[in-house]
């Protein structure tokens, strides 16, 4: 077989040129077969509208850089597109897909990725622990895209992607007893490298997003939540292209949001896309807020109730990977007072540990940082990452590792607390035993008193009856 003929070579014996003003096709179906890759791909699209303008076929139009396949513009609109993910766990849906060759733009409206099952059934189907995602986006627009390369070779090279109105919900259940799977190599930047579509986006802008991460604890069976509202961010050098990674292996993310919808929070990420162990860095600053809102997180996951805390600032910088996180944290606060809780079998609500809480507040936890002399207790972070811990769970657990020494609960103190708890528990047990014996003694003495009283009353009643009988 020779080289395929161009459209002009086909018509030139009959026409010098072919010019069509416009072609419109509405509500059609398209079967697109891509044989450019080793494995043939077939995509079937329904409910398409196609509008083609200014078609020109002549000796020069094939080399005209302003034309796309001999046209000035091709507009394609796909309505109500639905597809299931290959693993069968999610449904993806788009209200509308639109692209224009003249505008070099692809726009997606009302995009969603939702689990096909409720949380319990999802884990049964998946057979293992892991994060469950529920994603919604009002609009995703990709500008300055090379559509010819995208359609011919399915390579997505573009300038800017704008994402508006995102609602991202992530859920994990540590109480699920199914098989634990290793998540090594599955962090977001590593998953990007496994996408079959070659891509390089110079920048992604995220506007007014809401992001929540919820986790159910294995012990308390309660669910804690971290919430970020009014989130604006930009990501640069988002790519899995080998050539681009050689030129620049760092993907960055700069995020501004509101933590628990109560405090300003700014965090920056630097991902090393060439790293074999998923190396990344995250640093940031959390602003002033009322620490009692942390109850939504620490009460179900750490069995701690924050009775008071005036949070002034939190700074952190962590170098992390698939295997560990190391860094430093500075936590500025005043008036910290907590209540330790415990889980009691058969009772849904967590129960207070009054004596241990008093011990913690008076002897262990530092109420202020810096202290009254202006000394700031640092929060060193050195956390080994378990293979089954997800990316989002690891982020906050590493920060929690630095928060403990910041409030005076370092590893040395933790050992003392453990001994104190054993000692206090033993003392409480002894007191409980003595109180039980004393209560039993009191009950027995009361019973003897009642018995003597009843005997005296019986004797008195007998004497009265005798006296009455003699009087008659």
Protein backbone atom coordinates (compact mmCIF):
# COMPACT_ATOMS: atom_id res chain seq x y z
CA UNK A 1 0.00 0.00 0.00
CA UNK A 2 1.23 3.45 -0.90
CA UNK A 3 0.90 6.66 1.03
CA UNK A 4 -2.78 7.64 1.49
CA UNK A 5 -3.96 10.38 -0.85
CA UNK A 6 -4.87 13.78 0.49
CA UNK A 7 -8.40 15.16 -0.10
CA UNK A 8 -6.99 17.53 -2.72
CA UNK A 9 -5.27 14.70 -4.61
CA UNK A 10 -8.62 12.91 -4.73
CA UNK A 11 -10.60 15.84 -6.19
CA UNK A 12 -8.01 17.70 -8.29
CA UNK A 13 -8.86 15.87 -11.52
CA UNK A 14 -12.45 17.08 -11.20
CA UNK A 15 -12.24 20.35 -9.21
CA UNK A 16 -9.54 22.97 -8.72
CA UNK A 17 -10.98 23.57 -5.29
CA UNK A 18 -13.90 22.62 -3.07
CA UNK A 19 -15.38 25.27 -0.78
CA UNK A 20 -18.28 24.68 1.64
CA UNK A 21 -19.49 27.47 3.91
CA UNK A 22 -20.81 25.27 6.73
CA UNK A 23 -21.98 21.81 7.68
CA UNK A 24 -24.21 21.08 10.70
CA UNK A 25 -24.92 17.64 12.14
CA UNK A 26 -27.25 17.38 15.13
CA UNK A 27 -27.87 14.55 17.59
CA UNK A 28 -25.66 12.00 15.85
CA UNK A 29 -23.63 9.00 17.08
CA UNK A 30 -19.91 8.60 16.49
CA UNK A 31 -17.74 5.51 16.66
CA UNK A 32 -14.10 6.65 16.97
CA UNK A 33 -11.42 3.97 16.46
CA UNK A 34 -7.82 4.88 17.34
CA UNK A 35 -5.12 2.60 15.88
CA UNK A 36 -2.19 4.88 16.70
CA UNK A 37 -1.33 2.89 19.83
CA UNK A 38 -0.32 -0.79 20.12
CA UNK A 39 -3.79 -1.52 21.48
CA UNK A 40 -6.70 -0.32 19.35
CA UNK A 41 -9.14 1.89 21.27
CA UNK A 42 -12.77 2.31 20.41
CA UNK A 43 -14.89 5.19 21.74
CA UNK A 44 -18.60 5.43 21.08
CA UNK A 45 -20.26 8.81 21.56
CA UNK A 46 -23.96 9.57 21.31
CA UNK A 47 -26.00 12.79 21.21
CA UNK A 48 -23.36 14.80 19.34
CA UNK A 49 -23.78 18.14 17.66
CA UNK A 50 -21.08 18.96 15.08
CA UNK A 51 -20.76 22.31 13.32
CA UNK A 52 -18.07 22.75 10.66
CA UNK A 53 -17.38 26.14 9.09
CA UNK A 54 -15.44 27.28 5.99
CA UNK A 55 -14.23 24.01 4.48
CA UNK A 56 -11.64 24.63 1.77
CA UNK A 57 -9.84 21.93 -0.18
CA UNK A 58 -7.27 23.15 -2.72
CA UNK A 59 -3.55 22.88 -3.41
CA UNK A 60 -2.56 25.11 -0.45
CA UNK A 61 -5.21 24.63 2.29
CA UNK A 62 -3.62 21.42 3.55
CA UNK A 63 -0.55 23.42 4.65
CA UNK A 64 -2.51 26.36 6.09
CA UNK A 65 -1.63 26.51 9.83
CA UNK A 66 -4.82 28.46 10.56
CA UNK A 67 -6.96 25.55 9.39
CA UNK A 68 -7.87 22.32 11.13
CA UNK A 69 -8.29 19.48 8.63
CA UNK A 70 -9.09 22.02 5.86
CA UNK A 71 -11.60 23.89 8.06
CA UNK A 72 -11.56 27.23 9.84
CA UNK A 73 -13.48 25.88 12.81
CA UNK A 74 -15.01 22.66 14.07
CA UNK A 75 -17.34 22.83 17.05
CA UNK A 76 -18.33 19.57 18.74
CA UNK A 77 -20.83 19.29 21.59
CA UNK A 78 -21.52 16.05 23.45
CA UNK A 79 -24.62 15.96 25.65
CA UNK A 80 -25.18 13.82 28.77
CA UNK A 81 -22.13 11.60 28.62
CA UNK A 82 -21.95 8.70 31.10
CA UNK A 83 -19.32 6.04 31.62
CA UNK A 84 -18.31 3.57 34.33
CA UNK A 85 -14.72 3.28 35.55
CA UNK A 86 -12.88 0.09 34.58
CA UNK A 87 -12.89 -1.20 38.17
CA UNK A 88 -16.70 -0.94 38.31
CA UNK A 89 -16.65 1.15 41.50
CA UNK A 90 -17.51 4.60 40.12
CA UNK A 91 -19.76 6.31 37.61
CA UNK A 92 -18.50 9.33 35.69
CA UNK A 93 -20.97 11.79 34.17
CA UNK A 94 -20.75 15.03 32.18
CA UNK A 95 -23.67 17.24 31.31
CA UNK A 96 -21.88 18.71 28.31
CA UNK A 97 -18.55 18.44 26.52
CA UNK A 98 -17.67 21.20 24.07
CA UNK A 99 -14.57 21.84 22.00
CA UNK A 100 -13.68 24.37 19.34
CA UNK A 101 -10.69 24.12 17.01
CA UNK A 102 -10.66 27.87 16.36
CA UNK A 103 -10.76 28.72 20.08
CA UNK A 104 -8.35 25.86 20.91
CA UNK A 105 -10.58 25.05 23.88
CA UNK A 106 -12.28 22.08 25.53
CA UNK A 107 -14.99 22.79 28.10
CA UNK A 108 -16.73 20.31 30.41
CA UNK A 109 -19.92 21.27 32.30
CA UNK A 110 -21.27 19.62 35.46
CA UNK A 111 -18.69 16.88 35.77
CA UNK A 112 -19.05 14.24 38.48
CA UNK A 113 -17.34 11.07 39.69
CA UNK A 114 -19.48 9.23 42.21
CA UNK A 115 -19.22 5.82 43.88
CA UNK A 116 -21.73 3.25 42.67
CA UNK A 117 -22.27 1.92 46.22
CA UNK A 118 -22.77 3.23 49.74
CA UNK A 119 -19.70 3.19 52.00
CA UNK A 120 -20.31 -0.27 53.45
CA UNK A 121 -21.02 -1.94 50.11
CA UNK A 122 -18.15 -0.08 48.43
CA UNK A 123 -15.62 -1.68 50.77
CA UNK A 124 -17.21 -5.09 50.26
CA UNK A 125 -16.91 -4.70 46.49
CA UNK A 126 -13.36 -3.35 46.73
CA UNK A 127 -12.32 -5.95 49.28
CA UNK A 128 -9.83 -3.63 50.96
CA UNK A 129 -9.38 -0.39 52.84
CA UNK A 130 -8.83 2.83 50.94
CA UNK A 131 -10.20 6.27 50.15
CA UNK A 132 -13.65 6.70 48.59
CA UNK A 133 -14.01 9.75 46.33
CA UNK A 134 -17.09 11.77 45.47
CA UNK A 135 -16.19 14.60 43.08
CA UNK A 136 -18.26 17.34 41.45
CA UNK A 137 -17.15 20.22 39.22
CA UNK A 138 -19.37 22.94 37.80
CA UNK A 139 -17.00 23.75 34.94
CA UNK A 140 -13.64 22.62 33.62
CA UNK A 141 -12.15 24.58 30.72
CA UNK A 142 -8.85 23.77 28.96
CA UNK A 143 -7.41 26.57 26.80
CA UNK A 144 -4.60 26.78 24.27
CA UNK A 145 -4.83 23.07 23.51
CA UNK A 146 -3.19 21.31 20.55
CA UNK A 147 -6.35 19.63 19.26
CA UNK A 148 -4.72 17.95 16.29
CA UNK A 149 -2.26 16.16 18.56
CA UNK A 150 -5.05 15.41 21.02
CA UNK A 151 -7.27 13.77 18.38
CA UNK A 152 -4.54 12.03 16.41
CA UNK A 153 -2.34 10.71 19.21
CA UNK A 154 -4.39 11.41 22.37
CA UNK A 155 -1.71 13.68 23.79
CA UNK A 156 -3.05 16.49 25.95
CA UNK A 157 -0.70 19.46 25.69
CA UNK A 158 -2.29 22.74 26.76
CA UNK A 159 -1.72 26.06 28.42
CA UNK A 160 -4.25 26.57 31.20
CA UNK A 161 -7.01 24.53 32.79
CA UNK A 162 -9.60 26.44 34.85
CA UNK A 163 -11.66 24.46 37.35
CA UNK A 164 -14.65 26.21 38.94
CA UNK A 165 -17.05 25.20 41.68
CA UNK A 166 -15.38 21.97 42.77
CA UNK A 167 -16.83 19.88 45.61
CA UNK A 168 -14.35 17.19 46.64
CA UNK A 169 -15.33 14.63 49.28
CA UNK A 170 -12.87 11.95 50.43
CA UNK A 171 -13.80 9.26 52.95
CA UNK A 172 -11.80 6.49 54.63
CA UNK A 173 -12.94 3.84 57.12
CA UNK A 174 -10.15 2.45 59.31
CA UNK A 175 -12.69 0.25 61.07
CA UNK A 176 -13.17 -1.88 57.95
CA UNK A 177 -11.63 -5.31 58.58
CA UNK A 178 -10.96 -6.21 54.97
CA UNK A 179 -7.62 -6.81 53.35
CA UNK A 180 -5.09 -4.00 53.70
CA UNK A 181 -3.50 -3.01 50.41
CA UNK A 182 -0.23 -1.21 49.98
CA UNK A 183 -0.65 2.37 48.78
CA UNK A 184 3.03 2.85 48.02
CA UNK A 185 3.37 4.51 44.64
CA UNK A 186 -0.25 5.70 44.59
CA UNK A 187 0.06 9.30 45.78
CA UNK A 188 -1.60 11.87 43.45
CA UNK A 189 1.60 12.87 41.63
CA UNK A 190 2.49 9.19 41.14
CA UNK A 191 -0.99 8.27 39.89
CA UNK A 192 -0.64 11.08 37.33
CA UNK A 193 2.39 9.30 35.87
CA UNK A 194 0.29 6.20 35.21
CA UNK A 195 -2.42 7.98 33.19
CA UNK A 196 -2.43 6.50 29.69
CA UNK A 197 -3.06 9.94 28.16
CA UNK A 198 0.27 11.76 27.71
CA UNK A 199 -0.23 15.25 29.12
CA UNK A 200 1.41 18.52 30.01
CA UNK A 201 -0.62 21.36 31.46
CA UNK A 202 1.38 24.49 32.14
CA UNK A 203 -1.06 25.62 34.81
CA UNK A 204 -4.28 24.54 36.54
CA UNK A 205 -6.38 27.15 38.37
CA UNK A 206 -8.82 25.97 41.04
CA UNK A 207 -11.48 28.50 41.99
CA UNK A 208 -13.83 28.46 45.02
CA UNK A 209 -13.60 24.77 45.84
CA UNK A 210 -14.89 22.90 48.88
CA UNK A 211 -12.76 19.98 50.06
CA UNK A 212 -13.51 17.60 52.91
CA UNK A 213 -11.66 14.59 54.25
CA UNK A 214 -13.54 12.26 56.64
CA UNK A 215 -12.15 9.25 58.47
CA UNK A 216 -13.90 6.66 60.64
CA UNK A 217 -11.76 5.47 63.55
CA UNK A 218 -11.26 1.76 64.18
CA UNK A 219 -11.65 2.12 67.98
CA UNK A 220 -14.33 4.77 68.49
CA UNK A 221 -16.25 3.87 65.28
CA UNK A 222 -16.89 7.63 65.05
CA UNK A 223 -16.03 9.83 62.07
CA UNK A 224 -13.76 12.85 62.18
CA UNK A 225 -13.66 15.51 59.48
CA UNK A 226 -11.25 18.10 58.11
CA UNK A 227 -12.98 20.76 56.01
CA UNK A 228 -11.53 23.37 53.65
CA UNK A 229 -13.82 26.01 52.16
CA UNK A 230 -13.43 28.86 49.64
CA UNK A 231 -10.34 27.13 48.28
CA UNK A 232 -8.35 28.83 45.53
CA UNK A 233 -5.20 27.24 44.15
CA UNK A 234 -2.93 26.95 41.19
CA UNK A 235 -0.83 23.99 40.04
CA UNK A 236 2.08 24.37 37.63
CA UNK A 237 3.89 21.88 35.38
CA UNK A 238 1.25 19.16 35.66
CA UNK A 239 2.72 16.45 33.46
CA UNK A 240 3.55 12.82 32.88
CA UNK A 241 5.54 13.57 29.71
CA UNK A 242 9.08 12.19 29.97
CA UNK A 243 10.66 14.97 27.89
CA UNK A 244 9.02 17.67 29.98
CA UNK A 245 10.02 15.97 33.24
CA UNK A 246 13.63 15.96 32.08
CA UNK A 247 13.37 19.71 31.49
CA UNK A 248 11.54 20.37 34.76
CA UNK A 249 10.78 17.53 37.19
CA UNK A 250 8.98 19.67 39.80
CA UNK A 251 5.20 20.08 39.95
CA UNK A 252 4.04 22.83 42.32
CA UNK A 253 0.77 23.59 44.06
CA UNK A 254 -0.04 26.83 45.91
CA UNK A 255 -3.28 26.70 47.90
CA UNK A 256 -5.21 29.35 49.84
CA UNK A 257 -8.26 28.19 51.76
CA UNK A 258 -10.20 28.39 55.04
CA UNK A 259 -9.54 25.63 57.54
CA UNK A 260 -12.80 24.32 59.03
CA UNK A 261 -14.38 27.43 57.47
CA UNK A 262 -12.89 29.34 60.42
CA UNK A 263 -9.22 30.21 59.81
CA UNK A 264 -7.06 31.29 56.87
CA UNK A 265 -4.80 28.49 55.69
CA UNK A 266 -2.05 28.69 53.10
CA UNK A 267 -0.09 25.59 52.01
CA UNK A 268 2.46 24.94 49.24
CA UNK A 269 3.43 21.60 47.71
CA UNK A 270 6.49 20.67 45.65
CA UNK A 271 6.31 17.24 44.02
CA UNK A 272 9.41 15.64 42.50
CA UNK A 273 7.93 13.86 39.47
CA UNK A 274 11.23 12.08 38.75
CA UNK A 275 11.49 10.62 42.26
CA UNK A 276 11.20 6.84 42.62
CA UNK A 277 9.87 7.07 46.20
CA UNK A 278 7.27 9.80 45.67
CA UNK A 279 9.29 12.56 47.32
CA UNK A 280 7.44 15.81 48.00
CA UNK A 281 7.52 18.78 50.34
CA UNK A 282 4.64 20.65 51.93
CA UNK A 283 4.81 23.81 53.99
CA UNK A 284 2.38 26.44 55.13
CA UNK A 285 0.77 28.62 57.75
CA UNK A 286 -2.54 28.33 59.59
CA UNK A 287 -4.00 31.51 61.08
CA UNK A 288 -5.91 32.43 64.23
CA UNK A 289 -9.04 30.50 65.31
CA UNK A 290 -10.97 29.10 68.29
CA UNK A 291 -9.39 25.71 68.99
CA UNK A 292 -12.69 24.18 70.08
CA UNK A 293 -13.60 23.62 66.44
CA UNK A 294 -10.88 20.92 66.41
CA UNK A 295 -13.33 18.68 68.28
CA UNK A 296 -14.74 17.59 64.92
CA UNK A 297 -11.37 15.99 64.21
CA UNK A 298 -9.64 15.07 67.49
CA UNK A 299 -12.68 13.88 69.46
CA UNK A 300 -13.53 10.91 67.22
CA UNK A 301 -9.97 10.17 66.07
CA UNK A 302 -7.88 10.92 69.18
CA UNK A 303 -10.52 10.66 71.96
CA UNK A 304 -9.73 14.19 73.15
CA UNK A 305 -12.26 16.96 73.79
CA UNK A 306 -10.87 20.51 73.48
CA UNK A 307 -12.46 22.53 76.28
CA UNK A 308 -10.57 25.71 75.42
CA UNK A 309 -7.74 26.82 73.15
CA UNK A 310 -6.90 30.17 71.58
CA UNK A 311 -4.92 29.24 68.46
CA UNK A 312 -2.73 32.09 67.20
CA UNK A 313 -0.64 30.50 64.44
CA UNK A 314 0.71 27.21 63.12
CA UNK A 315 3.77 27.06 60.82
CA UNK A 316 5.11 23.82 59.33
CA UNK A 317 7.56 22.45 56.77
CA UNK A 318 7.70 18.72 55.99
CA UNK A 319 9.78 16.63 53.58
CA UNK A 320 7.86 13.45 52.84
CA UNK A 321 7.70 10.37 50.64
CA UNK A 322 5.94 7.01 50.40
CA UNK A 323 7.84 5.91 53.50
CA UNK A 324 8.21 8.76 56.00
CA UNK A 325 7.80 12.41 56.84
CA UNK A 326 10.40 14.62 58.53
CA UNK A 327 10.24 18.29 59.32
CA UNK A 328 9.37 20.92 61.91
CA UNK A 329 6.28 22.63 63.27
CA UNK A 330 5.76 25.75 65.35
CA UNK A 331 2.46 25.99 67.23
CA UNK A 332 1.47 29.27 68.91
CA UNK A 333 -1.51 29.08 71.31
CA UNK A 334 -2.92 30.11 74.70
CA UNK A 335 -5.35 28.71 77.31
CA UNK A 336 -5.20 25.07 76.22
CA UNK A 337 -7.45 22.83 78.29
CA UNK A 338 -8.53 19.35 77.26
CA UNK A 339 -10.77 16.51 78.42
CA UNK A 340 -9.53 12.95 77.87
CA UNK A 341 -12.16 10.49 76.74
CA UNK A 342 -12.47 6.72 76.54
CA UNK A 343 -14.55 4.17 74.69
CA UNK A 344 -16.73 1.93 76.87
CA UNK A 345 -18.22 -1.21 75.41
CA UNK A 346 -21.96 -1.01 74.94
CA UNK A 347 -22.07 2.81 75.12
CA UNK A 348 -22.09 4.88 71.93
CA UNK A 349 -20.95 8.16 73.48
CA UNK A 350 -17.31 8.54 74.53
CA UNK A 351 -16.98 8.77 78.32
CA UNK A 352 -14.99 11.38 80.25
CA UNK A 353 -11.84 10.47 82.18
CA UNK A 354 -12.09 13.09 84.88
CA UNK A 355 -9.08 12.20 87.04
CA UNK A 356 -6.75 11.56 84.11
CA UNK A 357 -7.90 14.79 82.43
CA UNK A 358 -7.03 16.74 85.57
CA UNK A 359 -3.65 15.02 85.63
CA UNK A 360 -3.06 15.86 81.96
CA UNK A 361 -4.03 19.52 82.25
CA UNK A 362 -2.10 20.17 85.47
CA UNK A 363 1.01 18.04 85.06
CA UNK A 364 1.50 17.30 81.35
CA UNK A 365 -0.12 19.69 78.89
CA UNK A 366 1.40 23.16 78.64
CA UNK A 367 -1.36 25.75 78.57
CA UNK A 368 0.60 28.30 76.53
CA UNK A 369 3.19 28.22 73.76
CA UNK A 370 5.41 30.23 73.99
CA UNK A 371 5.45 29.91 77.79
CA UNK A 372 5.37 32.83 80.23
CA UNK A 373 9.11 33.37 79.70
CA UNK A 374 8.74 33.58 75.92
CA UNK A 375 10.24 30.17 75.21
CA UNK A 376 8.69 28.38 72.23
CA UNK A 377 8.46 24.58 72.37
CA UNK A 378 9.30 23.26 68.90
CA UNK A 379 7.38 20.47 67.21
CA UNK A 380 9.81 18.11 65.48
CA UNK A 381 8.19 15.75 62.95
CA UNK A 382 9.63 12.29 62.35
CA UNK A 383 6.91 9.86 61.31
CA UNK A 384 7.20 6.49 59.60
CA UNK A 385 4.44 6.08 57.04
CA UNK A 386 2.61 2.76 57.12
CA UNK A 387 2.18 1.21 53.64
CA UNK A 388 -1.64 1.30 53.82
CA UNK A 389 -1.91 4.97 54.91
CA UNK A 390 -3.35 7.19 52.20
CA UNK A 391 -1.82 10.45 51.03
CA UNK A 392 -4.44 12.68 52.68
CA UNK A 393 -4.41 10.74 55.96
CA UNK A 394 -0.62 10.93 56.08
CA UNK A 395 -0.61 14.72 55.64
CA UNK A 396 -2.49 15.42 58.86
CA UNK A 397 -0.92 12.53 60.82
CA UNK A 398 2.54 13.98 60.16
CA UNK A 399 1.36 17.36 61.50
CA UNK A 400 -0.18 15.64 64.52
CA UNK A 401 3.23 14.08 65.18
CA UNK A 402 4.64 17.60 65.57
CA UNK A 403 1.69 18.93 67.56
CA UNK A 404 2.24 16.50 70.44
CA UNK A 405 5.64 17.83 71.55
CA UNK A 406 4.43 21.39 70.93
CA UNK A 407 1.84 21.02 73.68
CA UNK A 408 4.30 19.21 76.00
CA UNK A 409 3.35 15.67 75.10
CA UNK A 410 6.66 14.45 73.66
CA UNK A 411 7.89 10.84 73.63
CA UNK A 412 9.56 11.22 77.03
CA UNK A 413 6.40 12.64 78.55
CA UNK A 414 4.34 9.98 76.81
CA UNK A 415 6.30 7.31 78.70
CA UNK A 416 5.74 9.10 81.99
CA UNK A 417 2.05 9.44 81.22
CA UNK A 418 1.76 5.74 80.50
CA UNK A 419 3.32 4.94 83.90
CA UNK A 420 1.18 7.56 85.61
CA UNK A 421 -1.95 6.16 84.00
CA UNK A 422 -1.08 2.67 85.24
CA UNK A 423 -0.36 4.04 88.71
CA UNK A 424 -3.51 6.15 88.79
CA UNK A 425 -5.58 3.30 87.40
CA UNK A 426 -4.19 0.96 90.09
CA UNK A 427 -4.90 3.55 92.78
CA UNK A 428 -8.40 4.14 91.41
CA UNK A 429 -8.98 0.38 91.37
CA UNK A 430 -7.86 0.13 95.00
CA UNK A 431 -10.06 3.06 95.97
CA UNK A 432 -12.96 1.48 94.11
CA UNK A 433 -12.37 -1.79 96.00
CA UNK A 434 -12.24 0.02 99.36
CA UNK A 435 -15.32 2.05 98.50
CA UNK A 436 -17.12 -1.12 97.46
CA UNK A 437 -16.23 -2.80 100.74
CA UNK A 438 -17.20 0.32 102.70
CA UNK A 439 -20.55 0.52 100.87
CA UNK A 440 -21.19 -3.15 101.57
CA UNK A 441 -20.36 -2.52 105.26
CA UNK A 442 -22.73 0.46 105.33
CA UNK A 443 -25.50 -1.60 103.72
CA UNK A 444 -24.96 -4.45 106.17
CA UNK A 445 -24.98 -2.05 109.15
CA UNK A 446 -28.14 -0.42 107.85
CA UNK A 447 -29.75 -3.84 107.46
CA UNK A 448 -28.80 -4.76 111.08
CA UNK A 449 -30.24 -1.48 112.32
CA UNK A 450 -33.48 -2.10 110.46
CA UNK A 451 -33.62 -5.63 111.88
CA UNK A 452 -33.11 -4.39 115.48
CA UNK A 453 -35.70 -1.68 114.93
CA UNK A 454 -38.22 -4.20 113.66
CA UNK A 455 -37.55 -6.46 116.71
CA UNK A 456 -38.05 -3.54 119.13
CA UNK A 457 -41.26 -2.56 117.38
CA UNK A 458 -42.52 -6.16 117.51
CA UNK A 459 -41.73 -6.36 121.23
CA UNK A 460 -43.48 -3.05 121.85
CA UNK A 461 -46.54 -4.18 119.90
CA UNK A 462 -46.62 -7.41 121.91
CA UNK A 463 -46.50 -5.51 125.23
CA UNK A 464 -49.30 -3.21 124.12
CA UNK A 465 -51.51 -6.16 123.23
CA UNK A 466 -50.84 -7.78 126.65
CA UNK A 467 -51.69 -4.53 128.45
CA UNK A 468 -54.90 -4.14 126.50
CA UNK A 469 -55.99 -7.71 127.27
CA UNK A 470 -55.46 -7.21 131.05
CA UNK A 471 -57.45 -4.01 130.98
CA UNK A 472 -60.43 -5.81 129.50
